[in-house]
Amino acid sequence: MPDILEMPYRPEILNGYAAGEKTHTYRLGGASCLAGDVIGDWSFEQPLKAGDRLAFLDMSHYTMVKTTTFNGIQLPHICTFEPETGELTVVRSFGYPDFKQRLS
């Protein structure tokens, strides 16, 4: 999520609220081991559970321009999401051939 880590940008999360606004507040972080890999604080009406999906809205500003495979982090899928239906469509995925091509 380079949009958040590298820019002063706070996206909306579908059914998420400002920290402290609802009963359950969480600090969200990324999957790398970097100390600064903190996305921010949001609150939710219900407690989050393992496997819950969080939809960050309007998140493509720098996501593909600033991608990295540092520490084994996979490149993000490019998806579209329809909040009215809950449908998530993967438009493009990346694999090892894409990683290898970036090295040459």
Foldseek 3Di string as FASTA:
>chain_A
DCCQLVHVDQFDKVQKAQAPPEDAKDWDFDDDPDPSRTRGMIGHNDDDDPPDDIDGPPPDPCLVVPDDCPPNDARDFDWDADVVVRDIGGPDGDDDVVVVVVVD
